[in-house]
């Protein structure tokens, strides 16, 4: 049985730190946002905050609330191994897809809005907000998908307000505990 460790958090909270810790431990990572970026590229759209939000909403309108998770599920099925990190789960509908595939654990990563906004400005990834208004708009879209519900049901919480190294160590501690306690044995 596959163990899916689902990482959830608002944009800029530090989900990528948990994903990096997993990769460093040899755990495969699939990223939900990659599906949206791939679809934007397929549709010939620039990776702006507005376009990516629109694509995320369109996918869910056209294919249902679990559309992104269903596309990720196909990627997971091709992965050899018994444990996988799913980076960026946003809704209970998506969690239902992953629960149908195996055991799930949710790790939520939290940081305050001011901290997240600062990080997103510094990160400068295509699609990241460039203004406080874009940042708030993106947060509302994410919460509209049901992200708050996933965070509320988390099995583990990483508060990421300090140094990146601290969040990284905490992610490794949690992941090591899951592996050592046989969470990946089904």
Foldseek 3Di string as FASTA:
>chain_A
DAEEEEEAEAAQLQLVLLVVLCVVVVAAEDELLVVLVVVCVVVVHFLAQVSSLVSLVVQCVPPNLQRSLVVVVVVVVPDPDRYHYYGHDQAVVSVVSVVVVDHYAYEYGDEDLVNSLVSLCVVVDRNGDPDVVSSVVSRVSSVVSPSVVSNVPHPHYHYPHDDSVVSSVVSNVVVVVCVVVCVSVD
